Amino acid sequence: MNYAHGQLHISLTKEGKEKAKKYAIDSLEIKKTKSWDNQWHLLIFDISDKHKIKREALRGKIKELGLFQLQKSVWAYPYEFFKEADTLRDFFGLTKDEIQIITATKIENDHKMRSFFNLKS
């Protein structure tokens, strides 16, 4: 803590910053909008084998967030989640090359996804 110009400034220690990140990831959830805009939001990732633990932990968090797995490293969600993806990148120490978000207006054979998210065709 320090005082400057009559204001109190507080900064977190390195340990405090790590705890704050953990809290942010533990409480992370994707907000749903009232209606679906017929766009799919895809999270794709490519994380090297040397970071296998990060990759598996990320996959677990993605499942916990409720995304639908299209392929091993491709996940879909019907609502936008750019801020949440940034939180995942930051927490796991990944880059935008390792985790990318794509917005798509059409995905072939999406009836399983629509059913998963209880969306009308």
N, C-alpha and C. Protein backbone atom coordinates (compact mmCIF):
# COMPACT_ATOMS: atom_id res chain seq x y z
N MET A 1 0.85 -1.18 0.00
CA MET A 1 0.00 0.00 0.00
C MET A 1 0.89 1.24 0.00
N ASN A 2 0.45 2.22 -0.72
CA ASN A 2 1.12 3.51 -0.63
C ASN A 2 0.10 4.61 -0.90
N TYR A 3 0.44 5.77 -0.42
CA TYR A 3 -0.44 6.92 -0.56
C TYR A 3 0.18 7.91 -1.54
N ALA A 4 -0.62 8.39 -2.47
CA ALA A 4 -0.15 9.40 -3.40
C ALA A 4 -1.29 10.37 -3.67
N HIS A 5 -1.03 11.64 -3.49
CA HIS A 5 -2.03 12.69 -3.74
C HIS A 5 -3.34 12.42 -3.00
N GLY A 6 -3.24 11.95 -1.76
CA GLY A 6 -4.43 11.73 -0.94
C GLY A 6 -5.22 10.49 -1.30
N GLN A 7 -4.69 9.65 -2.18
CA GLN A 7 -5.39 8.42 -2.56
C GLN A 7 -4.58 7.21 -2.09
N LEU A 8 -5.27 6.19 -1.74
CA LEU A 8 -4.66 4.94 -1.31
C LEU A 8 -4.52 4.03 -2.53
N HIS A 9 -3.34 3.52 -2.79
CA HIS A 9 -3.09 2.60 -3.90
C HIS A 9 -2.65 1.26 -3.31
N ILE A 10 -3.35 0.22 -3.71
CA ILE A 10 -3.05 -1.13 -3.24
C ILE A 10 -2.64 -1.97 -4.43
N SER A 11 -1.55 -2.72 -4.30
CA SER A 11 -1.16 -3.64 -5.36
C SER A 11 -1.03 -5.05 -4.78
N LEU A 12 -1.35 -6.01 -5.63
CA LEU A 12 -1.26 -7.40 -5.22
C LEU A 12 0.17 -7.91 -5.33
N THR A 13 0.54 -8.78 -4.44
CA THR A 13 1.82 -9.46 -4.55
C THR A 13 1.72 -10.47 -5.68
N LYS A 14 2.83 -11.06 -6.06
CA LYS A 14 2.82 -12.09 -7.10
C LYS A 14 1.89 -13.22 -6.68
N GLU A 15 1.96 -13.63 -5.43
CA GLU A 15 1.10 -14.70 -4.92
C GLU A 15 -0.37 -14.28 -4.97
N GLY A 16 -0.66 -13.04 -4.64
CA GLY A 16 -2.02 -12.52 -4.69
C GLY A 16 -2.56 -12.51 -6.11
N LYS A 17 -1.71 -12.14 -7.07
CA LYS A 17 -2.12 -12.14 -8.47
C LYS A 17 -2.47 -13.55 -8.93
N GLU A 18 -1.68 -14.52 -8.52
CA GLU A 18 -1.96 -15.92 -8.88
C GLU A 18 -3.28 -16.38 -8.28
N LYS A 19 -3.53 -16.01 -7.03
CA LYS A 19 -4.80 -16.38 -6.39
C LYS A 19 -5.97 -15.71 -7.09
N ALA A 20 -5.80 -14.47 -7.50
CA ALA A 20 -6.87 -13.74 -8.20
C ALA A 20 -7.17 -14.41 -9.54
N LYS A 21 -6.12 -14.84 -10.27
CA LYS A 21 -6.32 -15.55 -11.53
C LYS A 21 -7.09 -16.85 -11.31
N LYS A 22 -6.71 -17.58 -10.25
CA LYS A 22 -7.37 -18.85 -9.96
C LYS A 22 -8.84 -18.61 -9.67
N TYR A 23 -9.14 -17.57 -8.90
CA TYR A 23 -10.54 -17.26 -8.61
C TYR A 23 -11.29 -16.93 -9.90
N ALA A 24 -10.65 -16.15 -10.77
CA ALA A 24 -11.30 -15.77 -12.03
C ALA A 24 -11.61 -17.00 -12.87
N ILE A 25 -10.70 -17.97 -12.92
CA ILE A 25 -10.94 -19.17 -13.72
C ILE A 25 -11.96 -20.07 -13.05
N ASP A 26 -11.94 -20.14 -11.72
CA ASP A 26 -12.89 -21.00 -11.01
C ASP A 26 -14.32 -20.50 -11.15
N SER A 27 -14.51 -19.19 -11.21
CA SER A 27 -15.86 -18.64 -11.29
C SER A 27 -16.27 -18.29 -12.72
N LEU A 28 -15.44 -18.64 -13.69
CA LEU A 28 -15.72 -18.30 -15.09
C LEU A 28 -16.97 -19.01 -15.60
N GLU A 29 -17.82 -18.26 -16.24
CA GLU A 29 -18.99 -18.83 -16.91
C GLU A 29 -19.32 -17.97 -18.10
N ILE A 30 -19.96 -18.58 -19.10
CA ILE A 30 -20.34 -17.84 -20.31
C ILE A 30 -21.80 -17.44 -20.17
N LYS A 31 -22.05 -16.16 -20.30
CA LYS A 31 -23.41 -15.63 -20.20
C LYS A 31 -24.17 -15.92 -21.49
N LYS A 32 -25.40 -16.37 -21.33
CA LYS A 32 -26.25 -16.63 -22.49
C LYS A 32 -27.12 -15.42 -22.75
N THR A 33 -27.32 -15.11 -24.02
CA THR A 33 -28.23 -14.03 -24.38
C THR A 33 -29.65 -14.60 -24.43
N LYS A 34 -30.64 -13.71 -24.46
CA LYS A 34 -32.03 -14.17 -24.45
C LYS A 34 -32.38 -14.98 -25.69
N SER A 35 -31.83 -14.59 -26.83
CA SER A 35 -32.13 -15.34 -28.05
C SER A 35 -30.83 -15.62 -28.80
N TRP A 36 -30.85 -16.72 -29.51
CA TRP A 36 -29.69 -17.13 -30.30
C TRP A 36 -29.69 -16.38 -31.63
N ASP A 37 -28.53 -15.86 -32.03
CA ASP A 37 -28.42 -15.08 -33.27
C ASP A 37 -28.07 -15.95 -34.48
N ASN A 38 -28.21 -17.28 -34.35
CA ASN A 38 -27.92 -18.24 -35.42
C ASN A 38 -26.45 -18.25 -35.85
N GLN A 39 -25.59 -17.86 -34.94
CA GLN A 39 -24.15 -17.92 -35.20
C GLN A 39 -23.52 -18.87 -34.20
N TRP A 40 -22.60 -19.68 -34.71
CA TRP A 40 -21.83 -20.56 -33.85
C TRP A 40 -20.49 -19.90 -33.55
N HIS A 41 -20.06 -20.05 -32.32
CA HIS A 41 -18.76 -19.52 -31.90
C HIS A 41 -17.89 -20.72 -31.58
N LEU A 42 -16.81 -20.83 -32.34
CA LEU A 42 -15.93 -22.00 -32.23
C LEU A 42 -14.64 -21.63 -31.53
N LEU A 43 -14.25 -22.47 -30.61
CA LEU A 43 -12.95 -22.34 -29.97
C LEU A 43 -12.10 -23.47 -30.52
N ILE A 44 -10.98 -23.11 -31.12
CA ILE A 44 -10.05 -24.11 -31.62
C ILE A 44 -8.72 -23.90 -30.90
N PHE A 45 -8.05 -24.99 -30.63
CA PHE A 45 -6.74 -24.84 -30.00
C PHE A 45 -5.74 -25.81 -30.56
N ASP A 46 -4.50 -25.40 -30.51
CA ASP A 46 -3.37 -26.21 -30.97
C ASP A 46 -2.25 -25.98 -29.96
N ILE A 47 -2.12 -26.91 -29.03
CA ILE A 47 -1.14 -26.79 -27.95
C ILE A 47 -0.19 -27.96 -28.05
N SER A 48 1.10 -27.68 -28.10
CA SER A 48 2.11 -28.71 -28.36
C SER A 48 2.14 -29.78 -27.27
N ASP A 49 2.69 -30.92 -27.62
CA ASP A 49 2.79 -32.06 -26.68
C ASP A 49 3.61 -31.72 -25.44
N LYS A 50 4.55 -30.78 -25.57
CA LYS A 50 5.34 -30.44 -24.39
C LYS A 50 4.51 -29.72 -23.33
N HIS A 51 3.32 -29.25 -23.72
CA HIS A 51 2.39 -28.59 -22.79
C HIS A 51 1.11 -29.42 -22.63
N LYS A 52 1.28 -30.74 -22.64
CA LYS A 52 0.15 -31.66 -22.57
C LYS A 52 -0.72 -31.42 -21.33
N ILE A 53 -0.11 -31.13 -20.20
CA ILE A 53 -0.87 -30.90 -18.97
C ILE A 53 -1.78 -29.68 -19.12
N LYS A 54 -1.23 -28.59 -19.71
CA LYS A 54 -2.04 -27.40 -19.97
C LYS A 54 -3.20 -27.73 -20.91
N ARG A 55 -2.89 -28.50 -21.95
CA ARG A 55 -3.90 -28.85 -22.95
C ARG A 55 -5.05 -29.63 -22.31
N GLU A 56 -4.72 -30.60 -21.48
CA GLU A 56 -5.75 -31.41 -20.84
C GLU A 56 -6.54 -30.59 -19.81
N ALA A 57 -5.87 -29.71 -19.10
CA ALA A 57 -6.56 -28.85 -18.13
C ALA A 57 -7.50 -27.89 -18.86
N LEU A 58 -7.04 -27.34 -19.99
CA LEU A 58 -7.88 -26.47 -20.80
C LEU A 58 -9.10 -27.24 -21.30
N ARG A 59 -8.89 -28.44 -21.81
CA ARG A 59 -10.00 -29.25 -22.31
C ARG A 59 -11.03 -29.49 -21.20
N GLY A 60 -10.56 -29.76 -19.99
CA GLY A 60 -11.47 -29.95 -18.86
C GLY A 60 -12.27 -28.71 -18.55
N LYS A 61 -11.63 -27.55 -18.60
CA LYS A 61 -12.34 -26.28 -18.32
C LYS A 61 -13.36 -25.98 -19.41
N ILE A 62 -13.00 -26.27 -20.66
CA ILE A 62 -13.92 -26.05 -21.78
C ILE A 62 -15.17 -26.91 -21.60
N LYS A 63 -14.98 -28.16 -21.21
CA LYS A 63 -16.13 -29.05 -20.95
C LYS A 63 -16.98 -28.48 -19.82
N GLU A 64 -16.32 -28.02 -18.77
CA GLU A 64 -17.02 -27.45 -17.61
C GLU A 64 -17.84 -26.22 -18.01
N LEU A 65 -17.35 -25.45 -18.97
CA LEU A 65 -18.06 -24.26 -19.44
C LEU A 65 -19.28 -24.62 -20.30
N GLY A 66 -19.36 -25.87 -20.72
CA GLY A 66 -20.53 -26.33 -21.46
C GLY A 66 -20.44 -26.26 -22.97
N LEU A 67 -19.23 -26.16 -23.52
CA LEU A 67 -19.09 -26.15 -24.97
C LEU A 67 -19.30 -27.56 -25.52
N PHE A 68 -19.66 -27.63 -26.79
CA PHE A 68 -19.89 -28.89 -27.49
C PHE A 68 -18.64 -29.26 -28.26
N GLN A 69 -18.17 -30.49 -28.08
CA GLN A 69 -16.96 -30.93 -28.76
C GLN A 69 -17.28 -31.41 -30.17
N LEU A 70 -16.79 -30.68 -31.17
CA LEU A 70 -16.95 -31.07 -32.58
C LEU A 70 -15.85 -32.05 -32.99
N GLN A 71 -14.63 -31.74 -32.61
CA GLN A 71 -13.47 -32.58 -32.84
C GLN A 71 -12.60 -32.45 -31.61
N LYS A 72 -11.50 -33.18 -31.58
CA LYS A 72 -10.67 -33.21 -30.37
C LYS A 72 -10.28 -31.81 -29.87
N SER A 73 -9.95 -30.92 -30.79
CA SER A 73 -9.53 -29.57 -30.40
C SER A 73 -10.42 -28.49 -30.98
N VAL A 74 -11.67 -28.83 -31.28
CA VAL A 74 -12.63 -27.88 -31.84
C VAL A 74 -13.91 -27.98 -31.03
N TRP A 75 -14.31 -26.84 -30.45
CA TRP A 75 -15.48 -26.78 -29.56
C TRP A 75 -16.41 -25.68 -30.02
N ALA A 76 -17.71 -25.89 -29.88
CA ALA A 76 -18.71 -24.92 -30.34
C ALA A 76 -19.59 -24.46 -29.20
N TYR A 77 -20.07 -23.22 -29.33
CA TYR A 77 -21.01 -22.64 -28.37
C TYR A 77 -21.90 -21.68 -29.14
N PRO A 78 -23.18 -21.59 -28.82
CA PRO A 78 -24.07 -20.72 -29.60
C PRO A 78 -24.03 -19.24 -29.20
N TYR A 79 -23.27 -18.90 -28.19
CA TYR A 79 -23.22 -17.51 -27.72
C TYR A 79 -21.76 -17.04 -27.70
N GLU A 80 -21.57 -15.76 -27.93
CA GLU A 80 -20.23 -15.15 -27.98
C GLU A 80 -19.53 -15.28 -26.63
N PHE A 81 -18.22 -15.58 -26.66
CA PHE A 81 -17.47 -15.71 -25.42
C PHE A 81 -16.02 -15.26 -25.57
N PHE A 82 -15.80 -14.12 -26.23
CA PHE A 82 -14.45 -13.60 -26.43
C PHE A 82 -13.75 -13.26 -25.11
N LYS A 83 -14.46 -12.61 -24.20
CA LYS A 83 -13.82 -12.24 -22.91
C LYS A 83 -13.42 -13.49 -22.13
N GLU A 84 -14.26 -14.49 -22.16
CA GLU A 84 -13.97 -15.72 -21.44
C GLU A 84 -12.77 -16.43 -22.07
N ALA A 85 -12.67 -16.37 -23.40
CA ALA A 85 -11.51 -16.97 -24.09
C ALA A 85 -10.23 -16.24 -23.69
N ASP A 86 -10.30 -14.92 -23.55
CA ASP A 86 -9.13 -14.15 -23.09
C ASP A 86 -8.72 -14.58 -21.68
N THR A 87 -9.70 -14.82 -20.82
CA THR A 87 -9.40 -15.28 -19.46
C THR A 87 -8.71 -16.64 -19.50
N LEU A 88 -9.19 -17.54 -20.36
CA LEU A 88 -8.56 -18.86 -20.50
C LEU A 88 -7.12 -18.71 -21.00
N ARG A 89 -6.92 -17.88 -22.03
CA ARG A 89 -5.57 -17.66 -22.55
C ARG A 89 -4.63 -17.16 -21.46
N ASP A 90 -5.10 -16.17 -20.72
CA ASP A 90 -4.29 -15.56 -19.68
C ASP A 90 -3.96 -16.57 -18.58
N PHE A 91 -4.97 -17.28 -18.11
CA PHE A 91 -4.76 -18.23 -17.02
C PHE A 91 -3.78 -19.34 -17.41
N PHE A 92 -3.96 -19.88 -18.61
CA PHE A 92 -3.11 -21.00 -19.04
C PHE A 92 -1.81 -20.54 -19.70
N GLY A 93 -1.62 -19.23 -19.85
CA GLY A 93 -0.39 -18.71 -20.45
C GLY A 93 -0.26 -19.07 -21.92
N LEU A 94 -1.37 -18.96 -22.65
CA LEU A 94 -1.40 -19.32 -24.07
C LEU A 94 -1.56 -18.07 -24.93
N THR A 95 -1.26 -18.21 -26.20
CA THR A 95 -1.33 -17.08 -27.13
C THR A 95 -2.58 -17.20 -28.01
N LYS A 96 -2.83 -16.16 -28.79
CA LYS A 96 -3.94 -16.20 -29.75
C LYS A 96 -3.64 -17.15 -30.90
N ASP A 97 -2.39 -17.55 -31.07
CA ASP A 97 -2.07 -18.59 -32.05
C ASP A 97 -2.44 -19.97 -31.51
N GLU A 98 -2.42 -20.13 -30.19
CA GLU A 98 -2.71 -21.43 -29.58
C GLU A 98 -4.21 -21.63 -29.32
N ILE A 99 -4.93 -20.56 -29.04
CA ILE A 99 -6.39 -20.61 -28.88
C ILE A 99 -6.99 -19.54 -29.78
N GLN A 100 -7.88 -19.93 -30.66
CA GLN A 100 -8.53 -18.97 -31.54
C GLN A 100 -10.05 -19.14 -31.46
N ILE A 101 -10.76 -18.04 -31.67
CA ILE A 101 -12.22 -18.05 -31.69
C ILE A 101 -12.66 -17.71 -33.12
N ILE A 102 -13.57 -18.50 -33.63
CA ILE A 102 -14.12 -18.29 -34.97
C ILE A 102 -15.63 -18.17 -34.84
N THR A 103 -16.22 -17.22 -35.55
CA THR A 103 -17.67 -17.09 -35.59
C THR A 103 -18.14 -17.57 -36.96
N ALA A 104 -19.08 -18.52 -36.95
CA ALA A 104 -19.56 -19.12 -38.19
C ALA A 104 -21.08 -19.01 -38.28
N THR A 105 -21.57 -18.76 -39.49
CA THR A 105 -23.01 -18.67 -39.68
C THR A 105 -23.62 -20.02 -40.02
N LYS A 106 -22.81 -20.98 -40.46
CA LYS A 106 -23.33 -22.29 -40.81
C LYS A 106 -22.28 -23.36 -40.55
N ILE A 107 -22.73 -24.44 -39.94
CA ILE A 107 -21.89 -25.62 -39.77
C ILE A 107 -22.71 -26.80 -40.28
N GLU A 108 -22.13 -27.58 -41.17
CA GLU A 108 -22.83 -28.74 -41.70
C GLU A 108 -23.26 -29.67 -40.58
N ASN A 109 -24.42 -30.25 -40.76
CA ASN A 109 -24.87 -31.31 -39.86
C ASN A 109 -24.84 -30.85 -38.39
N ASP A 110 -25.42 -29.69 -38.11
CA ASP A 110 -25.35 -29.15 -36.76
C ASP A 110 -26.51 -29.59 -35.86
N HIS A 111 -27.29 -30.60 -36.29
CA HIS A 111 -28.45 -31.01 -35.50
C HIS A 111 -28.06 -31.52 -34.11
N LYS A 112 -26.91 -32.18 -33.98
CA LYS A 112 -26.46 -32.65 -32.65
C LYS A 112 -26.16 -31.47 -31.74
N MET A 113 -25.54 -30.44 -32.30
CA MET A 113 -25.23 -29.25 -31.50
C MET A 113 -26.51 -28.53 -31.10
N ARG A 114 -27.43 -28.38 -32.03
CA ARG A 114 -28.70 -27.72 -31.72
C ARG A 114 -29.43 -28.47 -30.61
N SER A 115 -29.40 -29.78 -30.70
CA SER A 115 -30.05 -30.60 -29.68
C SER A 115 -29.34 -30.44 -28.34
N PHE A 116 -28.01 -30.46 -28.34
CA PHE A 116 -27.19 -30.32 -27.14
C PHE A 116 -27.52 -29.03 -26.39
N PHE A 117 -27.69 -27.93 -27.16
CA PHE A 117 -27.97 -26.63 -26.57
C PHE A 117 -29.47 -26.30 -26.51
N ASN A 118 -30.29 -27.26 -26.92
CA ASN A 118 -31.74 -27.10 -26.90
C ASN A 118 -32.18 -25.89 -27.73
N LEU A 119 -31.63 -25.82 -28.95
CA LEU A 119 -31.96 -24.74 -29.88
C LEU A 119 -32.89 -25.27 -30.96
N LYS A 120 -33.85 -24.46 -31.34
CA LYS A 120 -34.79 -24.86 -32.40
C LYS A 120 -34.15 -24.70 -33.77
N SER A 121 -34.46 -25.61 -34.64
CA SER A 121 -33.92 -25.58 -36.01
C SER A 121 -34.59 -24.53 -36.85
